[in-house]
Amino acid sequence: MRNKHPGTCYRCNLRVEVGQGHFERHAGGWRTQHADCAIKARQSKQEQQSK
């Protein structure tokens, strides 16, 4: 789900503006990541699993 509030990407530590990323529940709170960071992480995970 797209973020409605700005935050800091937990993958690259850069600012995520409203609508530019995704948010998720984590450890009783919320964390944000860029949409591009999510795609890169998903691709990296798939590559590791295919080895």
PDB file of N, CA and C in Angstrom:
ATOM      1  N   MET A   1       0.845  -1.173   0.000  1.00  0.00           N
ATOM      2  CA  MET A   1       0.000   0.000   0.000  1.00  0.00           C
ATOM      3  C   MET A   1       0.897   1.244   0.000  1.00  0.00           C
ATOM      4  N   ARG A   2       0.556   2.222  -0.784  1.00  0.00           N
ATOM      5  CA  ARG A   2       1.365   3.446  -0.879  1.00  0.00           C
ATOM      6  C   ARG A   2       1.326   4.240   0.420  1.00  0.00           C
ATOM      7  N   ASN A   3       2.427   4.926   0.695  1.00  0.00           N
ATOM      8  CA  ASN A   3       2.514   5.716   1.927  1.00  0.00           C
ATOM      9  C   ASN A   3       1.751   7.030   1.802  1.00  0.00           C
ATOM     10  N   LYS A   4       1.042   7.379   2.868  1.00  0.00           N
ATOM     11  CA  LYS A   4       0.297   8.637   2.925  1.00  0.00           C
ATOM     12  C   LYS A   4       1.057   9.689   3.718  1.00  0.00           C
ATOM     13  N   HIS A   5       2.147   9.282   4.335  1.00  0.00           N
ATOM     14  CA  HIS A   5       2.967  10.188   5.137  1.00  0.00           C
ATOM     15  C   HIS A   5       4.424  10.023   4.714  1.00  0.00           C
ATOM     16  N   PRO A   6       5.211  11.085   4.743  1.00  0.00           N
ATOM     17  CA  PRO A   6       6.631  10.960   4.415  1.00  0.00           C
ATOM     18  C   PRO A   6       7.355  10.175   5.502  1.00  0.00           C
ATOM     19  N   GLY A   7       8.492   9.647   5.159  1.00  0.00           N
ATOM     20  CA  GLY A   7       9.282   8.897   6.127  1.00  0.00           C
ATOM     21  C   GLY A   7      10.666   8.636   5.577  1.00  0.00           C
ATOM     22  N   THR A   8      11.398   7.778   6.249  1.00  0.00           N
ATOM     23  CA  THR A   8      12.743   7.397   5.836  1.00  0.00           C
ATOM     24  C   THR A   8      12.719   5.943   5.382  1.00  0.00           C
ATOM     25  N   CYS A   9      13.283   5.683   4.229  1.00  0.00           N
ATOM     26  CA  CYS A   9      13.343   4.329   3.690  1.00  0.00           C
ATOM     27  C   CYS A   9      14.248   3.479   4.573  1.00  0.00           C
ATOM     28  N   TYR A  10      13.739   2.342   5.029  1.00  0.00           N
ATOM     29  CA  TYR A  10      14.544   1.485   5.893  1.00  0.00           C
ATOM     30  C   TYR A  10      15.579   0.690   5.109  1.00  0.00           C
ATOM     31  N   ARG A  11      15.517   0.713   3.797  1.00  0.00           N
ATOM     32  CA  ARG A  11      16.509   0.009   2.986  1.00  0.00           C
ATOM     33  C   ARG A  11      17.689   0.910   2.602  1.00  0.00           C
ATOM     34  N   CYS A  12      17.423   2.166   2.213  1.00  0.00           N
ATOM     35  CA  CYS A  12      18.505   3.051   1.752  1.00  0.00           C
ATOM     36  C   CYS A  12      18.704   4.278   2.643  1.00  0.00           C
ATOM     37  N   ASN A  13      17.852   4.459   3.637  1.00  0.00           N
ATOM     38  CA  ASN A  13      17.933   5.571   4.596  1.00  0.00           C
ATOM     39  C   ASN A  13      17.750   6.955   3.975  1.00  0.00           C
ATOM     40  N   LEU A  14      17.115   7.042   2.810  1.00  0.00           N
ATOM     41  CA  LEU A  14      16.798   8.325   2.197  1.00  0.00           C
ATOM     42  C   LEU A  14      15.321   8.634   2.427  1.00  0.00           C
ATOM     43  N   ARG A  15      14.959   9.888   2.275  1.00  0.00           N
ATOM     44  CA  ARG A  15      13.582  10.326   2.527  1.00  0.00           C
ATOM     45  C   ARG A  15      12.627   9.769   1.466  1.00  0.00           C
ATOM     46  N   VAL A  16      11.471   9.323   1.911  1.00  0.00           N
ATOM     47  CA  VAL A  16      10.405   8.847   1.033  1.00  0.00           C
ATOM     48  C   VAL A  16       9.262   9.858   1.119  1.00  0.00           C
ATOM     49  N   GLU A  17       8.965  10.516   0.023  1.00  0.00           N
ATOM     50  CA  GLU A  17       7.879  11.493  -0.001  1.00  0.00           C
ATOM     51  C   GLU A  17       6.530  10.776  -0.088  1.00  0.00           C
ATOM     52  N   VAL A  18       5.473  11.499   0.184  1.00  0.00           N
ATOM     53  CA  VAL A  18       4.116  10.950   0.148  1.00  0.00           C
ATOM     54  C   VAL A  18       3.836  10.334  -1.227  1.00  0.00           C
ATOM     55  N   GLY A  19       3.375   9.095  -1.242  1.00  0.00           N
ATOM     56  CA  GLY A  19       3.010   8.406  -2.478  1.00  0.00           C
ATOM     57  C   GLY A  19       4.168   7.826  -3.260  1.00  0.00           C
ATOM     58  N   GLN A  20       5.395   7.982  -2.779  1.00  0.00           N
ATOM     59  CA  GLN A  20       6.568   7.508  -3.515  1.00  0.00           C
ATOM     60  C   GLN A  20       7.075   6.158  -3.030  1.00  0.00           C
ATOM     61  N   GLY A  21       6.393   5.567  -2.063  1.00  0.00           N
ATOM     62  CA  GLY A  21       6.853   4.295  -1.519  1.00  0.00           C
ATOM     63  C   GLY A  21       5.712   3.494  -0.926  1.00  0.00           C
ATOM     64  N   HIS A  22       6.092   2.550  -0.084  1.00  0.00           N
ATOM     65  CA  HIS A  22       5.131   1.657   0.558  1.00  0.00           C
ATOM     66  C   HIS A  22       5.395   1.652   2.050  1.00  0.00           C
ATOM     67  N   PHE A  23       4.361   1.330   2.825  1.00  0.00           N
ATOM     68  CA  PHE A  23       4.544   1.209   4.264  1.00  0.00           C
ATOM     69  C   PHE A  23       4.136  -0.191   4.691  1.00  0.00           C
ATOM     70  N   GLU A  24       4.654  -0.615   5.825  1.00  0.00           N
ATOM     71  CA  GLU A  24       4.304  -1.922   6.368  1.00  0.00           C
ATOM     72  C   GLU A  24       4.428  -1.899   7.884  1.00  0.00           C
ATOM     73  N   ARG A  25       3.688  -2.786   8.539  1.00  0.00           N
ATOM     74  CA  ARG A  25       3.775  -2.927   9.988  1.00  0.00           C
ATOM     75  C   ARG A  25       5.064  -3.653  10.318  1.00  0.00           C
ATOM     76  N   HIS A  26       5.725  -3.185  11.388  1.00  0.00           N
ATOM     77  CA  HIS A  26       6.955  -3.839  11.817  1.00  0.00           C
ATOM     78  C   HIS A  26       7.191  -3.528  13.287  1.00  0.00           C
ATOM     79  N   ALA A  27       7.303  -4.556  14.098  1.00  0.00           N
ATOM     80  CA  ALA A  27       7.629  -4.422  15.523  1.00  0.00           C
ATOM     81  C   ALA A  27       6.709  -3.425  16.235  1.00  0.00           C
ATOM     82  N   GLY A  28       5.421  -3.524  15.981  1.00  0.00           N
ATOM     83  CA  GLY A  28       4.455  -2.660  16.645  1.00  0.00           C
ATOM     84  C   GLY A  28       4.389  -1.243  16.116  1.00  0.00           C
ATOM     85  N   GLY A  29       5.072  -0.973  15.010  1.00  0.00           N
ATOM     86  CA  GLY A  29       5.053   0.366  14.419  1.00  0.00           C
ATOM     87  C   GLY A  29       4.934   0.256  12.909  1.00  0.00           C
ATOM     88  N   TRP A  30       5.314   1.317  12.241  1.00  0.00           N
ATOM     89  CA  TRP A  30       5.260   1.356  10.780  1.00  0.00           C
ATOM     90  C   TRP A  30       6.643   1.656  10.233  1.00  0.00           C
ATOM     91  N   ARG A  31       6.954   1.097   9.070  1.00  0.00           N
ATOM     92  CA  ARG A  31       8.194   1.455   8.389  1.00  0.00           C
ATOM     93  C   ARG A  31       7.891   1.674   6.914  1.00  0.00           C
ATOM     94  N   THR A  32       8.727   2.469   6.281  1.00  0.00           N
ATOM     95  CA  THR A  32       8.505   2.919   4.908  1.00  0.00           C
ATOM     96  C   THR A  32       9.693   2.529   4.043  1.00  0.00           C
ATOM     97  N   GLN A  33       9.412   2.260   2.775  1.00  0.00           N
ATOM     98  CA  GLN A  33      10.480   2.009   1.811  1.00  0.00           C
ATOM     99  C   GLN A  33      10.073   2.601   0.467  1.00  0.00           C
ATOM    100  N   HIS A  34      11.079   2.980  -0.331  1.00  0.00           N
ATOM    101  CA  HIS A  34      10.816   3.460  -1.687  1.00  0.00           C
ATOM    102  C   HIS A  34      10.244   2.317  -2.521  1.00  0.00           C
ATOM    103  N   ALA A  35       9.422   2.644  -3.484  1.00  0.00           N
ATOM    104  CA  ALA A  35       8.897   1.637  -4.400  1.00  0.00           C
ATOM    105  C   ALA A  35      10.051   0.969  -5.150  1.00  0.00           C
ATOM    106  N   ASP A  36      11.050   1.745  -5.585  1.00  0.00           N
ATOM    107  CA  ASP A  36      12.202   1.183  -6.302  1.00  0.00           C
ATOM    108  C   ASP A  36      13.018   0.254  -5.414  1.00  0.00           C
ATOM    109  N   CYS A  37      13.170   0.601  -4.146  1.00  0.00           N
ATOM    110  CA  CYS A  37      13.916  -0.252  -3.214  1.00  0.00           C
ATOM    111  C   CYS A  37      13.191  -1.580  -3.013  1.00  0.00           C
ATOM    112  N   ALA A  38      11.864  -1.543  -2.964  1.00  0.00           N
ATOM    113  CA  ALA A  38      11.070  -2.764  -2.808  1.00  0.00           C
ATOM    114  C   ALA A  38      11.254  -3.676  -4.020  1.00  0.00           C
ATOM    115  N   ILE A  39      11.247  -3.097  -5.213  1.00  0.00           N
ATOM    116  CA  ILE A  39      11.418  -3.873  -6.441  1.00  0.00           C
ATOM    117  C   ILE A  39      12.809  -4.495  -6.484  1.00  0.00           C
ATOM    118  N   LYS A  40      13.838  -3.713  -6.167  1.00  0.00           N
ATOM    119  CA  LYS A  40      15.210  -4.227  -6.171  1.00  0.00           C
ATOM    120  C   LYS A  40      15.385  -5.347  -5.156  1.00  0.00           C
ATOM    121  N   ALA A  41      14.800  -5.192  -3.972  1.00  0.00           N
ATOM    122  CA  ALA A  41      14.909  -6.217  -2.932  1.00  0.00           C
ATOM    123  C   ALA A  41      14.208  -7.501  -3.373  1.00  0.00           C
ATOM    124  N   ARG A  42      13.051  -7.368  -4.006  1.00  0.00           N
ATOM    125  CA  ARG A  42      12.304  -8.533  -4.481  1.00  0.00           C
ATOM    126  C   ARG A  42      13.094  -9.269  -5.562  1.00  0.00           C
ATOM    127  N   GLN A  43      13.709  -8.523  -6.490  1.00  0.00           N
ATOM    128  CA  GLN A  43      14.503  -9.138  -7.552  1.00  0.00           C
ATOM    129  C   GLN A  43      15.720  -9.844  -6.977  1.00  0.00           C
ATOM    130  N   SER A  44      16.374  -9.213  -6.016  1.00  0.00           N
ATOM    131  CA  SER A  44      17.548  -9.804  -5.381  1.00  0.00           C
ATOM    132  C   SER A  44      17.178 -11.100  -4.666  1.00  0.00           C
ATOM    133  N   LYS A  45      16.051 -11.099  -3.977  1.00  0.00           N
ATOM    134  CA  LYS A  45      15.590 -12.287  -3.256  1.00  0.00           C
ATOM    135  C   LYS A  45      15.290 -13.418  -4.235  1.00  0.00           C
ATOM    136  N   GLN A  46      14.657 -13.109  -5.362  1.00  0.00           N
ATOM    137  CA  GLN A  46      14.336 -14.120  -6.366  1.00  0.00           C
ATOM    138  C   GLN A  46      15.602 -14.705  -6.976  1.00  0.00           C
ATOM    139  N   GLU A  47      16.610 -13.859  -7.222  1.00  0.00           N
ATOM    140  CA  GLU A  47      17.875 -14.331  -7.779  1.00  0.00           C
ATOM    141  C   GLU A  47      18.574 -15.274  -6.814  1.00  0.00           C
ATOM    142  N   GLN A  48      18.548 -14.954  -5.524  1.00  0.00           N
ATOM    143  CA  GLN A  48      19.184 -15.804  -4.522  1.00  0.00           C
ATOM    144  C   GLN A  48      18.466 -17.142  -4.402  1.00  0.00           C
ATOM    145  N   GLN A  49      17.151 -17.147  -4.517  1.00  0.00           N
ATOM    146  CA  GLN A  49      16.384 -18.378  -4.399  1.00  0.00           C
ATOM    147  C   GLN A  49      16.561 -19.278  -5.617  1.00  0.00           C
ATOM    148  N   SER A  50      16.875 -18.708  -6.765  1.00  0.00           N
ATOM    149  CA  SER A  50      17.014 -19.503  -7.980  1.00  0.00           C
ATOM    150  C   SER A  50      18.387 -20.164  -8.099  1.00  0.00           C
ATOM    151  N   LYS A  51      19.294 -19.846  -7.197  1.00  0.00           N
ATOM    152  CA  LYS A  51      20.643 -20.447  -7.246  1.00  0.00           C
ATOM    153  C   LYS A  51      20.649 -21.828  -6.654  1.00  0.00           C
TER     154      LYS A  51
END
